[in-house]
Amino acid sequence: MGNLFQSLVDAMTSLINWLYGVTVSLGIPSYALAIIILTILIKIVLFPLTQKQMTSMRKMQEIQPKIKELQERYKKKDPQKMQQKMMELYKEHNVNPMAGCLPILVQMPILIALFRALSNKDFPFVDETHAGFIWIEKLTQIDPLYILPILAAVTTYMQTRLTTSPTDQTQKIMLYTMPIFIGWISTTVPAGLVLYWVMFNILGYAQQLLVNKQTERTKEGVAEK
């Protein structure tokens, strides 16, 4: 298992260097750009999964009032019936409450491999003069000005806000605590990993806006019929 994971870390290192080579061929050599390209490629690969996740989360947001109504009606009197009614509600609206977990689980090995690769102080940069990002000397270092961690927190909040139900207290708590947690974590890891997270959030935010618009159009089409 350890050898398999190390192979994944080595593959990530090689991929970053290969993408750096792509930026060189484009005439804009930059490891930061290489990580941005990596983020876009991973987002494209995960697109079908995240699309299903976002659609399901949007539907979950819309049926939150009905879920809350079922909880108020059955939670104390008959918890088993409440679960049964909720499952029927999910089935009726074609919602999978566990849909949000799969993309995160799939992405975890990528995040860990990227973290381990960039945490290597002897990362085999092809050219260290291109290993930085504007104010950051090297992407293997922690952001000294904490700009990327702040962006990580803000973009996490922005994306989470799109799928947070205003009627669900637990979701409202997560809306504020998760960005703070992500921001704090981002102050302890290599800047390259935080750059990846920020870009992934920005792309995810754009995708969620698209999903929300598609959902609204579908609802309008159904209403017109």
Protein backbone atom coordinates (compact mmCIF):
# COMPACT_ATOMS: atom_id res chain seq x y z
CA MET A 1 0.00 0.00 0.00
CA GLY A 2 2.86 2.35 0.90
CA ASN A 3 4.62 1.63 -2.41
CA LEU A 4 1.37 2.24 -4.30
CA PHE A 5 0.88 5.61 -2.62
CA GLN A 6 4.49 6.58 -3.19
CA SER A 7 4.00 5.74 -6.85
CA LEU A 8 1.02 8.12 -6.88
CA VAL A 9 3.15 10.88 -5.32
CA ASP A 10 5.92 10.25 -7.87
CA ALA A 11 3.36 10.33 -10.67
CA MET A 12 2.03 13.67 -9.38
CA THR A 13 5.58 15.08 -9.27
CA SER A 14 6.21 13.95 -12.83
CA LEU A 15 2.87 15.35 -13.99
CA ILE A 16 3.60 18.77 -12.48
CA ASN A 17 6.99 18.84 -14.18
CA TRP A 18 5.44 17.72 -17.48
CA LEU A 19 2.81 20.46 -17.26
CA TYR A 20 5.60 22.91 -16.48
CA GLY A 21 7.15 21.76 -19.75
CA VAL A 22 3.86 22.61 -21.45
CA THR A 23 4.05 26.15 -20.07
CA VAL A 24 7.63 26.41 -21.36
CA SER A 25 6.47 25.39 -24.83
CA LEU A 26 3.77 28.06 -24.62
CA GLY A 27 6.43 30.66 -23.87
CA ILE A 28 5.17 31.36 -20.33
CA PRO A 29 7.21 29.05 -18.07
CA SER A 30 5.54 28.87 -14.67
CA TYR A 31 4.95 26.18 -12.07
CA ALA A 32 1.95 28.17 -10.82
CA LEU A 33 0.41 27.99 -14.29
CA ALA A 34 1.24 24.27 -14.40
CA ILE A 35 -0.79 23.76 -11.19
CA ILE A 36 -3.65 25.82 -12.62
CA ILE A 37 -3.65 23.63 -15.75
CA LEU A 38 -3.55 20.55 -13.49
CA THR A 39 -6.61 21.86 -11.64
CA ILE A 40 -8.52 22.41 -14.89
CA LEU A 41 -7.67 18.89 -16.12
CA ILE A 42 -8.79 17.29 -12.84
CA LYS A 43 -11.97 19.37 -12.88
CA ILE A 44 -12.72 18.12 -16.40
CA VAL A 45 -12.13 14.49 -15.37
CA LEU A 46 -14.37 14.87 -12.29
CA PHE A 47 -16.99 16.91 -14.16
CA PRO A 48 -19.62 14.12 -14.48
CA LEU A 49 -19.36 13.31 -10.76
CA THR A 50 -19.42 16.92 -9.59
CA GLN A 51 -22.29 17.71 -11.97
CA LYS A 52 -24.43 14.99 -10.36
CA GLN A 53 -23.32 16.12 -6.90
CA MET A 54 -24.20 19.77 -7.53
CA THR A 55 -27.54 18.93 -9.12
CA SER A 56 -28.43 16.74 -6.14
CA MET A 57 -27.30 19.41 -3.64
CA ARG A 58 -29.39 22.03 -5.43
CA LYS A 59 -32.45 19.77 -5.24
CA MET A 60 -31.70 19.09 -1.57
CA GLN A 61 -31.69 22.83 -0.96
CA GLU A 62 -35.09 23.17 -2.63
CA ILE A 63 -36.74 20.42 -0.59
CA GLN A 64 -35.30 21.56 2.75
CA PRO A 65 -38.64 23.13 3.84
CA LYS A 66 -40.35 19.76 3.26
CA ILE A 67 -37.61 17.93 5.14
CA LYS A 68 -37.95 20.34 8.05
CA GLU A 69 -41.71 19.82 8.04
CA LEU A 70 -41.27 16.04 8.24
CA GLN A 71 -38.76 16.41 11.07
CA GLU A 72 -41.10 18.62 13.07
CA ARG A 73 -44.00 16.26 12.49
CA TYR A 74 -42.37 12.87 13.16
CA LYS A 75 -38.99 13.32 14.89
CA LYS A 76 -40.28 12.97 18.43
CA LYS A 77 -43.39 10.89 17.73
CA ASP A 78 -42.11 8.34 15.22
CA PRO A 79 -38.43 8.66 14.09
CA GLN A 80 -38.70 5.50 11.99
CA LYS A 81 -41.64 6.86 10.03
CA MET A 82 -39.79 10.15 9.60
CA GLN A 83 -36.89 8.28 7.95
CA GLN A 84 -39.33 6.41 5.73
CA LYS A 85 -41.06 9.62 4.65
CA MET A 86 -37.73 11.32 3.98
CA MET A 87 -36.58 8.42 1.79
CA GLU A 88 -39.84 8.69 -0.14
CA LEU A 89 -39.25 12.42 -0.53
CA TYR A 90 -35.71 11.83 -1.83
CA LYS A 91 -37.00 9.26 -4.31
CA GLU A 92 -39.82 11.54 -5.48
CA HIS A 93 -37.40 14.37 -6.24
CA ASN A 94 -34.60 12.07 -7.48
CA VAL A 95 -32.20 13.23 -4.75
CA ASN A 96 -29.30 11.28 -3.30
CA PRO A 97 -28.26 12.77 0.08
CA MET A 98 -24.91 10.95 -0.17
CA ALA A 99 -24.09 12.36 -3.62
CA GLY A 100 -21.81 15.02 -2.15
CA CYS A 101 -19.44 12.45 -0.66
CA LEU A 102 -18.20 10.67 -3.79
CA PRO A 103 -16.37 13.59 -5.49
CA ILE A 104 -14.64 14.41 -2.19
CA LEU A 105 -13.55 10.78 -1.71
CA VAL A 106 -12.27 10.59 -5.29
CA GLN A 107 -10.35 13.84 -4.89
CA MET A 108 -8.73 12.93 -1.56
CA PRO A 109 -5.90 10.79 -3.07
CA ILE A 110 -5.19 13.66 -5.50
CA LEU A 111 -5.01 16.22 -2.70
CA ILE A 112 -2.81 14.00 -0.54
CA ALA A 113 -0.48 13.17 -3.45
CA LEU A 114 -0.20 16.86 -4.36
CA PHE A 115 0.45 17.75 -0.71
CA ARG A 116 3.15 15.09 -0.35
CA ALA A 117 4.77 16.07 -3.64
CA LEU A 118 4.92 19.78 -2.80
CA SER A 119 5.92 19.12 0.81
CA ASN A 120 9.16 17.66 -0.47
CA LYS A 121 11.81 20.33 0.19
CA ASP A 122 13.88 18.73 -2.56
CA PHE A 123 11.10 18.88 -5.14
CA PRO A 124 12.87 18.31 -8.50
CA PHE A 125 12.10 21.65 -10.13
CA VAL A 126 13.31 21.77 -13.71
CA ASP A 127 14.01 25.47 -13.21
CA GLU A 128 13.67 26.97 -9.72
CA THR A 129 13.47 30.50 -11.14
CA HIS A 130 9.92 29.62 -12.25
CA ALA A 131 8.94 27.88 -8.99
CA GLY A 132 7.28 30.91 -7.40
CA PHE A 133 4.01 32.76 -7.72
CA ILE A 134 4.07 36.58 -7.68
CA TRP A 135 4.81 37.24 -3.96
CA ILE A 136 5.69 33.60 -3.11
CA GLU A 137 9.30 32.54 -3.62
CA LYS A 138 8.47 28.84 -4.01
CA LEU A 139 5.14 27.01 -4.25
CA THR A 140 6.55 24.35 -1.95
CA GLN A 141 6.59 26.96 0.84
CA ILE A 142 3.77 28.39 2.95
CA ASP A 143 2.28 31.64 1.70
CA PRO A 144 4.15 34.28 3.78
CA LEU A 145 1.41 36.91 3.33
CA TYR A 146 -1.52 34.49 3.83
CA ILE A 147 -3.21 35.84 0.70
CA LEU A 148 -3.92 32.40 -0.75
CA PRO A 149 -5.35 31.07 2.56
CA ILE A 150 -7.71 34.06 2.67
CA LEU A 151 -8.74 33.36 -0.93
CA ALA A 152 -9.22 29.68 -0.02
CA ALA A 153 -11.58 30.66 2.79
CA VAL A 154 -13.48 33.19 0.66
CA THR A 155 -13.91 30.87 -2.34
CA THR A 156 -14.98 28.01 -0.06
CA TYR A 157 -17.63 30.31 1.45
CA MET A 158 -18.79 31.46 -2.01
CA GLN A 159 -19.24 27.93 -3.30
CA THR A 160 -20.87 26.62 -0.12
CA ARG A 161 -23.25 29.58 -0.04
CA LEU A 162 -24.79 28.53 -3.36
CA THR A 163 -26.03 25.23 -1.92
CA THR A 164 -26.80 26.21 1.67
CA SER A 165 -30.41 26.17 2.74
CA PRO A 166 -31.40 29.25 4.80
CA THR A 167 -33.80 27.09 6.82
CA ASP A 168 -31.29 24.42 7.90
CA GLN A 169 -29.39 25.50 11.02
CA THR A 170 -26.71 22.81 10.62
CA GLN A 171 -25.95 23.95 7.06
CA LYS A 172 -25.82 27.58 8.18
CA ILE A 173 -23.24 26.68 10.83
CA MET A 174 -21.17 24.77 8.27
CA LEU A 175 -21.39 27.75 5.91
CA TYR A 176 -19.29 29.81 8.31
CA THR A 177 -17.17 27.20 10.09
CA MET A 178 -15.93 25.32 7.01
CA PRO A 179 -14.32 28.37 5.31
CA ILE A 180 -12.60 29.30 8.59
CA PHE A 181 -11.29 25.74 8.94
CA ILE A 182 -10.08 25.65 5.31
CA GLY A 183 -8.43 29.05 5.73
CA TRP A 184 -6.59 27.86 8.84
CA ILE A 185 -5.45 24.61 7.21
CA SER A 186 -4.23 26.61 4.21
CA THR A 187 -1.77 28.50 6.43
CA THR A 188 0.01 25.22 7.24
CA VAL A 189 0.39 23.60 3.81
CA PRO A 190 2.45 24.42 0.67
CA ALA A 191 1.17 27.39 -1.32
CA GLY A 192 0.91 25.23 -4.46
CA LEU A 193 -1.74 23.07 -2.80
CA VAL A 194 -3.69 26.15 -1.70
CA LEU A 195 -3.49 27.55 -5.24
CA TYR A 196 -4.99 24.27 -6.47
CA TRP A 197 -7.81 24.53 -3.90
CA VAL A 198 -8.60 28.15 -4.79
CA MET A 199 -8.74 27.38 -8.51
CA PHE A 200 -10.85 24.26 -7.91
CA ASN A 201 -13.30 26.36 -5.86
CA ILE A 202 -13.52 29.05 -8.55
CA LEU A 203 -14.24 26.44 -11.23
CA GLY A 204 -16.71 24.74 -8.90
CA TYR A 205 -18.46 28.05 -8.22
CA ALA A 206 -18.88 28.66 -11.96
CA GLN A 207 -20.18 25.12 -12.44
CA GLN A 208 -22.64 25.47 -9.56
CA LEU A 209 -24.00 28.71 -11.05
CA LEU A 210 -24.56 26.81 -14.30
CA VAL A 211 -26.31 23.97 -12.48
CA ASN A 212 -28.55 26.43 -10.62
CA LYS A 213 -29.54 28.15 -13.88
CA GLN A 214 -30.26 24.80 -15.55
CA THR A 215 -32.40 23.76 -12.56
CA GLU A 216 -34.36 27.02 -12.72
CA ARG A 217 -34.96 26.60 -16.45
CA THR A 218 -36.18 23.04 -15.89
CA LYS A 219 -38.59 24.23 -13.19
CA GLU A 220 -39.87 27.01 -15.45
CA GLY A 221 -40.37 24.52 -18.28
CA VAL A 222 -42.33 22.17 -16.01
CA ALA A 223 -44.43 25.08 -14.70
CA GLU A 224 -45.30 26.21 -18.24
CA LYS A 225 -46.56 22.71 -19.11
